[in-house]
Amino acid sequence: FDVLFDDERYFHTFSASNPNAEHLCGDDNYVVRYDFTKWPVWRSTWQV
């Protein structure tokens, strides 16, 4: 899955088998981990 900002710029890519992504915004670093182990309940955890 590819996630785009609302202005259509690329944000990040992830998959259920590889649920991690990263995005650098200026000097701020965004790291996400998606958790689908209790699907259809799911979670995203961002460290910024």
ModelCIF file with pLDDT and N, C-alpha, C, O atoms, coordinates in Angstrom:
data_MODEL
#
_entry.id   MODEL 
#
_entity.id                         1 
_entity.type                       polymer 
_entity.pdbx_number_of_molecules   1 
#
_entity_poly.entity_id                      1 
_entity_poly.type                           'polypeptide(L)' 
_entity_poly.nstd_linkage                   no 
_entity_poly.nstd_monomer                   no 
_entity_poly.pdbx_seq_one_letter_code       FDVLFDDERYFHTFSASNPNAEHLCGDDNYVVRYDFTKWPVWRSTWQV 
_entity_poly.pdbx_seq_one_letter_code_can   FDVLFDDERYFHTFSASNPNAEHLCGDDNYVVRYDFTKWPVWRSTWQV 
_entity_poly.pdbx_strand_id                 A 
#
loop_
_entity_poly_seq.entity_id 
_entity_poly_seq.num 
_entity_poly_seq.mon_id 
_entity_poly_seq.hetero 
1 1  PHE n 
1 2  ASP n 
1 3  VAL n 
1 4  LEU n 
1 5  PHE n 
1 6  ASP n 
1 7  ASP n 
1 8  GLU n 
1 9  ARG n 
1 10 TYR n 
1 11 PHE n 
1 12 HIS n 
1 13 THR n 
1 14 PHE n 
1 15 SER n 
1 16 ALA n 
1 17 SER n 
1 18 ASN n 
1 19 PRO n 
1 20 ASN n 
1 21 ALA n 
1 22 GLU n 
1 23 HIS n 
1 24 LEU n 
1 25 CYS n 
1 26 GLY n 
1 27 ASP n 
1 28 ASP n 
1 29 ASN n 
1 30 TYR n 
1 31 VAL n 
1 32 VAL n 
1 33 ARG n 
1 34 TYR n 
1 35 ASP n 
1 36 PHE n 
1 37 THR n 
1 38 LYS n 
1 39 TRP n 
1 40 PRO n 
1 41 VAL n 
1 42 TRP n 
1 43 ARG n 
1 44 SER n 
1 45 THR n 
1 46 TRP n 
1 47 GLN n 
1 48 VAL n 
#
_struct_asym.id          A 
_struct_asym.entity_id   1 
#
loop_
_ma_qa_metric.id 
_ma_qa_metric.mode 
_ma_qa_metric.name 
_ma_qa_metric.software_group_id 
_ma_qa_metric.type 
1 global pLDDT . pLDDT 
2 local  pLDDT . pLDDT 
#
_ma_qa_metric_global.metric_id      1 
_ma_qa_metric_global.metric_value   95.44 
_ma_qa_metric_global.model_id       1 
_ma_qa_metric_global.ordinal_id     1 
#
loop_
_ma_qa_metric_local.label_asym_id 
_ma_qa_metric_local.label_comp_id 
_ma_qa_metric_local.label_seq_id 
_ma_qa_metric_local.metric_id 
_ma_qa_metric_local.metric_value 
_ma_qa_metric_local.model_id 
_ma_qa_metric_local.ordinal_id 
A PHE 1  2 96.00 1 1  
A ASP 2  2 97.00 1 2  
A VAL 3  2 98.00 1 3  
A LEU 4  2 97.00 1 4  
A PHE 5  2 97.00 1 5  
A ASP 6  2 96.00 1 6  
A ASP 7  2 96.00 1 7  
A GLU 8  2 95.00 1 8  
A ARG 9  2 96.00 1 9  
A TYR 10 2 96.00 1 10 
A PHE 11 2 97.00 1 11 
A HIS 12 2 97.00 1 12 
A THR 13 2 97.00 1 13 
A PHE 14 2 96.00 1 14 
A SER 15 2 92.00 1 15 
A ALA 16 2 87.00 1 16 
A SER 17 2 88.00 1 17 
A ASN 18 2 92.00 1 18 
A PRO 19 2 95.00 1 19 
A ASN 20 2 96.00 1 20 
A ALA 21 2 97.00 1 21 
A GLU 22 2 96.00 1 22 
A HIS 23 2 95.00 1 23 
A LEU 24 2 93.00 1 24 
A CYS 25 2 91.00 1 25 
A GLY 26 2 88.00 1 26 
A ASP 27 2 92.00 1 27 
A ASP 28 2 94.00 1 28 
A ASN 29 2 96.00 1 29 
A TYR 30 2 96.00 1 30 
A VAL 31 2 98.00 1 31 
A VAL 32 2 98.00 1 32 
A ARG 33 2 98.00 1 33 
A TYR 34 2 97.00 1 34 
A ASP 35 2 96.00 1 35 
A PHE 36 2 95.00 1 36 
A THR 37 2 94.00 1 37 
A LYS 38 2 95.00 1 38 
A TRP 39 2 95.00 1 39 
A PRO 40 2 96.00 1 40 
A VAL 41 2 97.00 1 41 
A TRP 42 2 97.00 1 42 
A ARG 43 2 97.00 1 43 
A SER 44 2 98.00 1 44 
A THR 45 2 98.00 1 45 
A TRP 46 2 98.00 1 46 
A GLN 47 2 98.00 1 47 
A VAL 48 2 97.00 1 48 
#
loop_
_atom_site.group_PDB 
_atom_site.id 
_atom_site.type_symbol 
_atom_site.label_atom_id 
_atom_site.label_alt_id 
_atom_site.label_comp_id 
_atom_site.label_asym_id 
_atom_site.label_entity_id 
_atom_site.label_seq_id 
_atom_site.pdbx_PDB_ins_code 
_atom_site.Cartn_x 
_atom_site.Cartn_y 
_atom_site.Cartn_z 
_atom_site.occupancy 
_atom_site.B_iso_or_equiv 
_atom_site.pdbx_formal_charge 
_atom_site.auth_seq_id 
_atom_site.auth_comp_id 
_atom_site.auth_asym_id 
_atom_site.auth_atom_id 
_atom_site.pdbx_PDB_model_num 
ATOM 1   N N  . PHE A 1 1  ? 0.822  -1.202  0.000  1.00 96.00 ? 1  PHE A N  1 
ATOM 2   C CA . PHE A 1 1  ? 0.000  0.000   0.000  1.00 96.00 ? 1  PHE A CA 1 
ATOM 3   C C  . PHE A 1 1  ? 0.859  1.256   0.000  1.00 96.00 ? 1  PHE A C  1 
ATOM 4   O O  . PHE A 1 1  ? 1.823  1.365   0.758  1.00 96.00 ? 1  PHE A O  1 
ATOM 5   N N  . ASP A 1 2  ? 0.498  2.200   -0.858 1.00 97.00 ? 2  ASP A N  1 
ATOM 6   C CA . ASP A 1 2  ? 1.155  3.495   -0.924 1.00 97.00 ? 2  ASP A CA 1 
ATOM 7   C C  . ASP A 1 2  ? 0.214  4.530   -0.338 1.00 97.00 ? 2  ASP A C  1 
ATOM 8   O O  . ASP A 1 2  ? -0.963 4.575   -0.695 1.00 97.00 ? 2  ASP A O  1 
ATOM 9   N N  . VAL A 1 3  ? 0.721  5.358   0.555  1.00 98.00 ? 3  VAL A N  1 
ATOM 10  C CA . VAL A 1 3  ? -0.059 6.417   1.178  1.00 98.00 ? 3  VAL A CA 1 
ATOM 11  C C  . VAL A 1 3  ? 0.455  7.749   0.644  1.00 98.00 ? 3  VAL A C  1 
ATOM 12  O O  . VAL A 1 3  ? 1.656  8.017   0.653  1.00 98.00 ? 3  VAL A O  1 
ATOM 13  N N  . LEU A 1 4  ? -0.479 8.580   0.176  1.00 97.00 ? 4  LEU A N  1 
ATOM 14  C CA . LEU A 1 4  ? -0.153 9.898   -0.354 1.00 97.00 ? 4  LEU A CA 1 
ATOM 15  C C  . LEU A 1 4  ? -0.773 10.964  0.542  1.00 97.00 ? 4  LEU A C  1 
ATOM 16  O O  . LEU A 1 4  ? -1.828 10.743  1.136  1.00 97.00 ? 4  LEU A O  1 
ATOM 17  N N  . PHE A 1 5  ? -0.121 12.114  0.639  1.00 97.00 ? 5  PHE A N  1 
ATOM 18  C CA . PHE A 1 5  ? -0.722 13.256  1.324  1.00 97.00 ? 5  PHE A CA 1 
ATOM 19  C C  . PHE A 1 5  ? -1.947 13.714  0.546  1.00 97.00 ? 5  PHE A C  1 
ATOM 20  O O  . PHE A 1 5  ? -2.148 13.301  -0.596 1.00 97.00 ? 5  PHE A O  1 
ATOM 21  N N  . ASP A 1 6  ? -2.756 14.555  1.149  1.00 96.00 ? 6  ASP A N  1 
ATOM 22  C CA . ASP A 1 6  ? -3.966 15.023  0.469  1.00 96.00 ? 6  ASP A CA 1 
ATOM 23  C C  . ASP A 1 6  ? -3.666 15.893  -0.756 1.00 96.00 ? 6  ASP A C  1 
ATOM 24  O O  . ASP A 1 6  ? -4.549 16.119  -1.583 1.00 96.00 ? 6  ASP A O  1 
ATOM 25  N N  . ASP A 1 7  ? -2.427 16.381  -0.876 1.00 96.00 ? 7  ASP A N  1 
ATOM 26  C CA . ASP A 1 7  ? -2.047 17.128  -2.081 1.00 96.00 ? 7  ASP A CA 1 
ATOM 27  C C  . ASP A 1 7  ? -1.379 16.214  -3.118 1.00 96.00 ? 7  ASP A C  1 
ATOM 28  O O  . ASP A 1 7  ? -0.800 16.691  -4.094 1.00 96.00 ? 7  ASP A O  1 
ATOM 29  N N  . GLU A 1 8  ? -1.467 14.901  -2.895 1.00 95.00 ? 8  GLU A N  1 
ATOM 30  C CA . GLU A 1 8  ? -1.022 13.837  -3.789 1.00 95.00 ? 8  GLU A CA 1 
ATOM 31  C C  . GLU A 1 8  ? 0.490  13.593  -3.798 1.00 95.00 ? 8  GLU A C  1 
ATOM 32  O O  . GLU A 1 8  ? 0.981  12.842  -4.641 1.00 95.00 ? 8  GLU A O  1 
ATOM 33  N N  . ARG A 1 9  ? 1.238  14.212  -2.876 1.00 96.00 ? 9  ARG A N  1 
ATOM 34  C CA . ARG A 1 9  ? 2.661  13.891  -2.741 1.00 96.00 ? 9  ARG A CA 1 
ATOM 35  C C  . ARG A 1 9  ? 2.807  12.537  -2.041 1.00 96.00 ? 9  ARG A C  1 
ATOM 36  O O  . ARG A 1 9  ? 1.987  12.175  -1.197 1.00 96.00 ? 9  ARG A O  1 
ATOM 37  N N  . TYR A 1 10 ? 3.851  11.801  -2.397 1.00 96.00 ? 10 TYR A N  1 
ATOM 38  C CA . TYR A 1 10 ? 4.139  10.512  -1.779 1.00 96.00 ? 10 TYR A CA 1 
ATOM 39  C C  . TYR A 1 10 ? 4.446  10.695  -0.287 1.00 96.00 ? 10 TYR A C  1 
ATOM 40  O O  . TYR A 1 10 ? 5.165  11.617  0.096  1.00 96.00 ? 10 TYR A O  1 
ATOM 41  N N  . PHE A 1 11 ? 3.888  9.797   0.557  1.00 97.00 ? 11 PHE A N  1 
ATOM 42  C CA . PHE A 1 11 ? 4.145  9.822   1.998  1.00 97.00 ? 11 PHE A CA 1 
ATOM 43  C C  . PHE A 1 11 ? 4.941  8.588   2.419  1.00 97.00 ? 11 PHE A C  1 
ATOM 44  O O  . PHE A 1 11 ? 6.074  8.716   2.884  1.00 97.00 ? 11 PHE A O  1 
ATOM 45  N N  . HIS A 1 12 ? 4.357  7.381   2.262  1.00 97.00 ? 12 HIS A N  1 
ATOM 46  C CA . HIS A 1 12 ? 5.086  6.162   2.627  1.00 97.00 ? 12 HIS A CA 1 
ATOM 47  C C  . HIS A 1 12 ? 4.407  4.937   2.029  1.00 97.00 ? 12 HIS A C  1 
ATOM 48  O O  . HIS A 1 12 ? 3.294  5.012   1.508  1.00 97.00 ? 12 HIS A O  1 
ATOM 49  N N  . THR A 1 13 ? 5.107  3.803   2.116  1.00 97.00 ? 13 THR A N  1 
ATOM 50  C CA . THR A 1 13 ? 4.635  2.513   1.603  1.00 97.00 ? 13 THR A CA 1 
ATOM 51  C C  . THR A 1 13 ? 4.795  1.471   2.702  1.00 97.00 ? 13 THR A C  1 
ATOM 52  O O  . THR A 1 13 ? 5.772  1.491   3.451  1.00 97.00 ? 13 THR A O  1 
ATOM 53  N N  . PHE A 1 14 ? 3.820  0.551   2.792  1.00 96.00 ? 14 PHE A N  1 
ATOM 54  C CA . PHE A 1 14 ? 3.892  -0.531  3.767  1.00 96.00 ? 14 PHE A CA 1 
ATOM 55  C C  . PHE A 1 14 ? 3.100  -1.725  3.236  1.00 96.00 ? 14 PHE A C  1 
ATOM 56  O O  . PHE A 1 14 ? 2.397  -1.621  2.231  1.00 96.00 ? 14 PHE A O  1 
ATOM 57  N N  . SER A 1 15 ? 3.224  -2.854  3.923  1.00 92.00 ? 15 SER A N  1 
ATOM 58  C CA . SER A 1 15 ? 2.407  -4.035  3.632  1.00 92.00 ? 15 SER A CA 1 
ATOM 59  C C  . SER A 1 15 ? 2.134  -4.750  4.949  1.00 92.00 ? 15 SER A C  1 
ATOM 60  O O  . SER A 1 15 ? 2.783  -4.475  5.958  1.00 92.00 ? 15 SER A O  1 
ATOM 61  N N  . ALA A 1 16 ? 1.175  -5.665  4.933  1.00 87.00 ? 16 ALA A N  1 
ATOM 62  C CA . ALA A 1 16 ? 0.886  -6.431  6.151  1.00 87.00 ? 16 ALA A CA 1 
ATOM 63  C C  . ALA A 1 16 ? 2.071  -7.305  6.534  1.00 87.00 ? 16 ALA A C  1 
ATOM 64  O O  . ALA A 1 16 ? 2.320  -7.523  7.720  1.00 87.00 ? 16 ALA A O  1 
ATOM 65  N N  . SER A 1 17 ? 2.806  -7.810  5.545  1.00 88.00 ? 17 SER A N  1 
ATOM 66  C CA . SER A 1 17 ? 3.957  -8.664  5.846  1.00 88.00 ? 17 SER A CA 1 
ATOM 67  C C  . SER A 1 17 ? 5.213  -7.850  6.137  1.00 88.00 ? 17 SER A C  1 
ATOM 68  O O  . SER A 1 17 ? 6.189  -8.391  6.657  1.00 88.00 ? 17 SER A O  1 
ATOM 69  N N  . ASN A 1 18 ? 5.203  -6.572  5.814  1.00 92.00 ? 18 ASN A N  1 
ATOM 70  C CA . ASN A 1 18 ? 6.324  -5.674  6.066  1.00 92.00 ? 18 ASN A CA 1 
ATOM 71  C C  . ASN A 1 18 ? 5.736  -4.324  6.500  1.00 92.00 ? 18 ASN A C  1 
ATOM 72  O O  . ASN A 1 18 ? 5.730  -3.366  5.727  1.00 92.00 ? 18 ASN A O  1 
ATOM 73  N N  . PRO A 1 19 ? 5.243  -4.257  7.748  1.00 95.00 ? 19 PRO A N  1 
ATOM 74  C CA . PRO A 1 19 ? 4.391  -3.142  8.168  1.00 95.00 ? 19 PRO A CA 1 
ATOM 75  C C  . PRO A 1 19 ? 5.129  -1.904  8.682  1.00 95.00 ? 19 PRO A C  1 
ATOM 76  O O  . PRO A 1 19 ? 4.610  -1.198  9.547  1.00 95.00 ? 19 PRO A O  1 
ATOM 77  N N  . ASN A 1 20 ? 6.296  -1.638  8.179  1.00 96.00 ? 20 ASN A N  1 
ATOM 78  C CA . ASN A 1 20 ? 7.106  -0.527  8.666  1.00 96.00 ? 20 ASN A CA 1 
ATOM 79  C C  . ASN A 1 20 ? 7.412  0.455   7.545  1.00 96.00 ? 20 ASN A C  1 
ATOM 80  O O  . ASN A 1 20 ? 7.591  0.059   6.393  1.00 96.00 ? 20 ASN A O  1 
ATOM 81  N N  . ALA A 1 21 ? 7.470  1.722   7.885  1.00 97.00 ? 21 ALA A N  1 
ATOM 82  C CA . ALA A 1 21 ? 7.822  2.741   6.895  1.00 97.00 ? 21 ALA A CA 1 
ATOM 83  C C  . ALA A 1 21 ? 8.426  3.936   7.616  1.00 97.00 ? 21 ALA A C  1 
ATOM 84  O O  . ALA A 1 21 ? 8.350  4.058   8.838  1.00 97.00 ? 21 ALA A O  1 
ATOM 85  N N  . GLU A 1 22 ? 9.025  4.812   6.822  1.00 96.00 ? 22 GLU A N  1 
ATOM 86  C CA . GLU A 1 22 ? 9.682  5.991   7.358  1.00 96.00 ? 22 GLU A CA 1 
ATOM 87  C C  . GLU A 1 22 ? 9.488  7.150   6.400  1.00 96.00 ? 22 GLU A C  1 
ATOM 88  O O  . GLU A 1 22 ? 9.417  6.963   5.186  1.00 96.00 ? 22 GLU A O  1 
ATOM 89  N N  . HIS A 1 23 ? 9.403  8.350   6.959  1.00 95.00 ? 23 HIS A N  1 
ATOM 90  C CA . HIS A 1 23 ? 9.252  9.557   6.141  1.00 95.00 ? 23 HIS A CA 1 
ATOM 91  C C  . HIS A 1 23 ? 10.030 10.687  6.813  1.00 95.00 ? 23 HIS A C  1 
ATOM 92  O O  . HIS A 1 23 ? 9.834  10.972  7.994  1.00 95.00 ? 23 HIS A O  1 
ATOM 93  N N  . LEU A 1 24 ? 10.905 11.318  6.057  1.00 93.00 ? 24 LEU A N  1 
ATOM 94  C CA . LEU A 1 24 ? 11.651 12.462  6.556  1.00 93.00 ? 24 LEU A CA 1 
ATOM 95  C C  . LEU A 1 24 ? 10.937 13.731  6.112  1.00 93.00 ? 24 LEU A C  1 
ATOM 96  O O  . LEU A 1 24 ? 10.719 13.940  4.918  1.00 93.00 ? 24 LEU A O  1 
ATOM 97  N N  . CYS A 1 25 ? 10.574 14.571  7.065  1.00 91.00 ? 25 CYS A N  1 
ATOM 98  C CA . CYS A 1 25 ? 9.883  15.833  6.794  1.00 91.00 ? 25 CYS A CA 1 
ATOM 99  C C  . CYS A 1 25 ? 10.789 16.938  7.325  1.00 91.00 ? 25 CYS A C  1 
ATOM 100 O O  . CYS A 1 25 ? 10.786 17.223  8.523  1.00 91.00 ? 25 CYS A O  1 
ATOM 101 N N  . GLY A 1 26 ? 11.559 17.556  6.447  1.00 88.00 ? 26 GLY A N  1 
ATOM 102 C CA . GLY A 1 26 ? 12.577 18.493  6.900  1.00 88.00 ? 26 GLY A CA 1 
ATOM 103 C C  . GLY A 1 26 ? 13.564 17.731  7.762  1.00 88.00 ? 26 GLY A C  1 
ATOM 104 O O  . GLY A 1 26 ? 14.137 16.737  7.316  1.00 88.00 ? 26 GLY A O  1 
ATOM 105 N N  . ASP A 1 27 ? 13.773 18.186  9.000  1.00 92.00 ? 27 ASP A N  1 
ATOM 106 C CA . ASP A 1 27 ? 14.668 17.489  9.924  1.00 92.00 ? 27 ASP A CA 1 
ATOM 107 C C  . ASP A 1 27 ? 13.928 16.580  10.894 1.00 92.00 ? 27 ASP A C  1 
ATOM 108 O O  . ASP A 1 27 ? 14.544 15.971  11.769 1.00 92.00 ? 27 ASP A O  1 
ATOM 109 N N  . ASP A 1 28 ? 12.603 16.486  10.746 1.00 94.00 ? 28 ASP A N  1 
ATOM 110 C CA . ASP A 1 28 ? 11.803 15.615  11.606 1.00 94.00 ? 28 ASP A CA 1 
ATOM 111 C C  . ASP A 1 28 ? 11.615 14.262  10.913 1.00 94.00 ? 28 ASP A C  1 
ATOM 112 O O  . ASP A 1 28 ? 11.255 14.200  9.737  1.00 94.00 ? 28 ASP A O  1 
ATOM 113 N N  . ASN A 1 29 ? 11.862 13.194  11.650 1.00 96.00 ? 29 ASN A N  1 
ATOM 114 C CA . ASN A 1 29 ? 11.766 11.847  11.098 1.00 96.00 ? 29 ASN A CA 1 
ATOM 115 C C  . ASN A 1 29 ? 10.531 11.139  11.650 1.00 96.00 ? 29 ASN A C  1 
ATOM 116 O O  . ASN A 1 29 ? 10.339 11.060  12.863 1.00 96.00 ? 29 ASN A O  1 
ATOM 117 N N  . TYR A 1 30 ? 9.701  10.628  10.747 1.00 96.00 ? 30 TYR A N  1 
ATOM 118 C CA . TYR A 1 30 ? 8.476  9.914   11.092 1.00 96.00 ? 30 TYR A CA 1 
ATOM 119 C C  . TYR A 1 30 ? 8.694  8.436   10.793 1.00 96.00 ? 30 TYR A C  1 
ATOM 120 O O  . TYR A 1 30 ? 8.988  8.076   9.654  1.00 96.00 ? 30 TYR A O  1 
ATOM 121 N N  . VAL A 1 31 ? 8.554  7.574   11.799 1.00 98.00 ? 31 VAL A N  1 
ATOM 122 C CA . VAL A 1 31 ? 8.709  6.132   11.638 1.00 98.00 ? 31 VAL A CA 1 
ATOM 123 C C  . VAL A 1 31 ? 7.419  5.478   12.106 1.00 98.00 ? 31 VAL A C  1 
ATOM 124 O O  . VAL A 1 31 ? 6.957  5.725   13.220 1.00 98.00 ? 31 VAL A O  1 
ATOM 125 N N  . VAL A 1 32 ? 6.836  4.632   11.241 1.00 98.00 ? 32 VAL A N  1 
ATOM 126 C CA . VAL A 1 32 ? 5.568  3.994   11.581 1.00 98.00 ? 32 VAL A CA 1 
ATOM 127 C C  . VAL A 1 32 ? 5.718  2.483   11.566 1.00 98.00 ? 32 VAL A C  1 
ATOM 128 O O  . VAL A 1 32 ? 6.499  1.919   10.800 1.00 98.00 ? 32 VAL A O  1 
ATOM 129 N N  . ARG A 1 33 ? 4.950  1.850   12.431 1.00 98.00 ? 33 ARG A N  1 
ATOM 130 C CA . ARG A 1 33 ? 4.785  0.395   12.418 1.00 98.00 ? 33 ARG A CA 1 
ATOM 131 C C  . ARG A 1 33 ? 3.292  0.129   12.495 1.00 98.00 ? 33 ARG A C  1 
ATOM 132 O O  . ARG A 1 33 ? 2.615  0.556   13.431 1.00 98.00 ? 33 ARG A O  1 
ATOM 133 N N  . TYR A 1 34 ? 2.794  -0.581  11.500 1.00 97.00 ? 34 TYR A N  1 
ATOM 134 C CA . TYR A 1 34 ? 1.398  -1.011  11.499 1.00 97.00 ? 34 TYR A CA 1 
ATOM 135 C C  . TYR A 1 34 ? 1.331  -2.381  12.145 1.00 97.00 ? 34 TYR A C  1 
ATOM 136 O O  . TYR A 1 34 ? 2.250  -3.186  11.994 1.00 97.00 ? 34 TYR A O  1 
ATOM 137 N N  . ASP A 1 35 ? 0.253  -2.652  12.862 1.00 96.00 ? 35 ASP A N  1 
ATOM 138 C CA . ASP A 1 35 ? 0.065  -3.942  13.529 1.00 96.00 ? 35 ASP A CA 1 
ATOM 139 C C  . ASP A 1 35 ? -1.296 -4.500  13.110 1.00 96.00 ? 35 ASP A C  1 
ATOM 140 O O  . ASP A 1 35 ? -2.342 -3.951  13.456 1.00 96.00 ? 35 ASP A O  1 
ATOM 141 N N  . PHE A 1 36 ? -1.258 -5.605  12.357 1.00 95.00 ? 36 PHE A N  1 
ATOM 142 C CA . PHE A 1 36 ? -2.483 -6.243  11.865 1.00 95.00 ? 36 PHE A CA 1 
ATOM 143 C C  . PHE A 1 36 ? -2.724 -7.599  12.525 1.00 95.00 ? 36 PHE A C  1 
ATOM 144 O O  . PHE A 1 36 ? -3.524 -8.387  12.021 1.00 95.00 ? 36 PHE A O  1 
ATOM 145 N N  . THR A 1 37 ? -2.053 -7.889  13.638 1.00 94.00 ? 37 THR A N  1 
ATOM 146 C CA . THR A 1 37 ? -2.146 -9.212  14.254 1.00 94.00 ? 37 THR A CA 1 
ATOM 147 C C  . THR A 1 37 ? -3.535 -9.515  14.818 1.00 94.00 ? 37 THR A C  1 
ATOM 148 O O  . THR A 1 37 ? -3.852 -10.681 15.048 1.00 94.00 ? 37 THR A O  1 
ATOM 149 N N  . LYS A 1 38 ? -4.367 -8.503  15.045 1.00 95.00 ? 38 LYS A N  1 
ATOM 150 C CA . LYS A 1 38 ? -5.738 -8.723  15.549 1.00 95.00 ? 38 LYS A CA 1 
ATOM 151 C C  . LYS A 1 38 ? -6.764 -8.288  14.509 1.00 95.00 ? 38 LYS A C  1 
ATOM 152 O O  . LYS A 1 38 ? -7.882 -7.906  14.855 1.00 95.00 ? 38 LYS A O  1 
ATOM 153 N N  . TRP A 1 39 ? -6.381 -8.348  13.230 1.00 95.00 ? 39 TRP A N  1 
ATOM 154 C CA . TRP A 1 39 ? -7.249 -7.922  12.133 1.00 95.00 ? 39 TRP A CA 1 
ATOM 155 C C  . TRP A 1 39 ? -8.638 -8.512  12.286 1.00 95.00 ? 39 TRP A C  1 
ATOM 156 O O  . TRP A 1 39 ? -8.738 -9.710  12.550 1.00 95.00 ? 39 TRP A O  1 
ATOM 157 N N  . PRO A 1 40 ? -9.722 -7.749  12.138 1.00 96.00 ? 40 PRO A N  1 
ATOM 158 C CA . PRO A 1 40 ? -9.808 -6.448  11.499 1.00 96.00 ? 40 PRO A CA 1 
ATOM 159 C C  . PRO A 1 40 ? -9.565 -5.260  12.423 1.00 96.00 ? 40 PRO A C  1 
ATOM 160 O O  . PRO A 1 40 ? -9.685 -4.118  11.981 1.00 96.00 ? 40 PRO A O  1 
ATOM 161 N N  . VAL A 1 41 ? -9.228 -5.487  13.680 1.00 97.00 ? 41 VAL A N  1 
ATOM 162 C CA . VAL A 1 41 ? -8.758 -4.385  14.516 1.00 97.00 ? 41 VAL A CA 1 
ATOM 163 C C  . VAL A 1 41 ? -7.282 -4.219  14.200 1.00 97.00 ? 41 VAL A C  1 
ATOM 164 O O  . VAL A 1 41 ? -6.530 -5.194  14.192 1.00 97.00 ? 41 VAL A O  1 
ATOM 165 N N  . TRP A 1 42 ? -6.870 -2.992  13.941 1.00 97.00 ? 42 TRP A N  1 
ATOM 166 C CA . TRP A 1 42 ? -5.473 -2.758  13.594 1.00 97.00 ? 42 TRP A CA 1 
ATOM 167 C C  . TRP A 1 42 ? -4.992 -1.462  14.200 1.00 97.00 ? 42 TRP A C  1 
ATOM 168 O O  . TRP A 1 42 ? -5.785 -0.647  14.671 1.00 97.00 ? 42 TRP A O  1 
ATOM 169 N N  . ARG A 1 43 ? -3.681 -1.278  14.184 1.00 97.00 ? 43 ARG A N  1 
ATOM 170 C CA . ARG A 1 43 ? -3.067 -0.159  14.878 1.00 97.00 ? 43 ARG A CA 1 
ATOM 171 C C  . ARG A 1 43 ? -1.899 0.390   14.063 1.00 97.00 ? 43 ARG A C  1 
ATOM 172 O O  . ARG A 1 43 ? -1.214 -0.350  13.357 1.00 97.00 ? 43 ARG A O  1 
ATOM 173 N N  . SER A 1 44 ? -1.688 1.685   14.172 1.00 98.00 ? 44 SER A N  1 
ATOM 174 C CA . SER A 1 44 ? -0.459 2.295   13.655 1.00 98.00 ? 44 SER A CA 1 
ATOM 175 C C  . SER A 1 44 ? 0.204  3.037   14.808 1.00 98.00 ? 44 SER A C  1 
ATOM 176 O O  . SER A 1 44 ? -0.458 3.739   15.572 1.00 98.00 ? 44 SER A O  1 
ATOM 177 N N  . THR A 1 45 ? 1.519  2.874   14.925 1.00 98.00 ? 45 THR A N  1 
ATOM 178 C CA . THR A 1 45 ? 2.284  3.563   15.957 1.00 98.00 ? 45 THR A CA 1 
ATOM 179 C C  . THR A 1 45 ? 3.372  4.367   15.272 1.00 98.00 ? 45 THR A C  1 
ATOM 180 O O  . THR A 1 45 ? 4.251  3.817   14.609 1.00 98.00 ? 45 THR A O  1 
ATOM 181 N N  . TRP A 1 46 ? 3.298  5.676   15.446 1.00 98.00 ? 46 TRP A N  1 
ATOM 182 C CA . TRP A 1 46 ? 4.275  6.602   14.867 1.00 98.00 ? 46 TRP A CA 1 
ATOM 183 C C  . TRP A 1 46 ? 5.216  7.094   15.956 1.00 98.00 ? 46 TRP A C  1 
ATOM 184 O O  . TRP A 1 46 ? 4.774  7.504   17.030 1.00 98.00 ? 46 TRP A O  1 
ATOM 185 N N  . GLN A 1 47 ? 6.518  7.053   15.674 1.00 98.00 ? 47 GLN A N  1 
ATOM 186 C CA . GLN A 1 47 ? 7.541  7.687   16.505 1.00 98.00 ? 47 GLN A CA 1 
ATOM 187 C C  . GLN A 1 47 ? 8.028  8.873   15.688 1.00 98.00 ? 47 GLN A C  1 
ATOM 188 O O  . GLN A 1 47 ? 8.547  8.695   14.586 1.00 98.00 ? 47 GLN A O  1 
ATOM 189 N N  . VAL A 1 48 ? 7.870  10.070  16.211 1.00 97.00 ? 48 VAL A N  1 
ATOM 190 C CA . VAL A 1 48 ? 8.268  11.277  15.489 1.00 97.00 ? 48 VAL A CA 1 
ATOM 191 C C  . VAL A 1 48 ? 9.332  11.990  16.307 1.00 97.00 ? 48 VAL A C  1 
ATOM 192 O O  . VAL A 1 48 ? 9.825  13.041  15.897 1.00 97.00 ? 48 VAL A O  1 
#
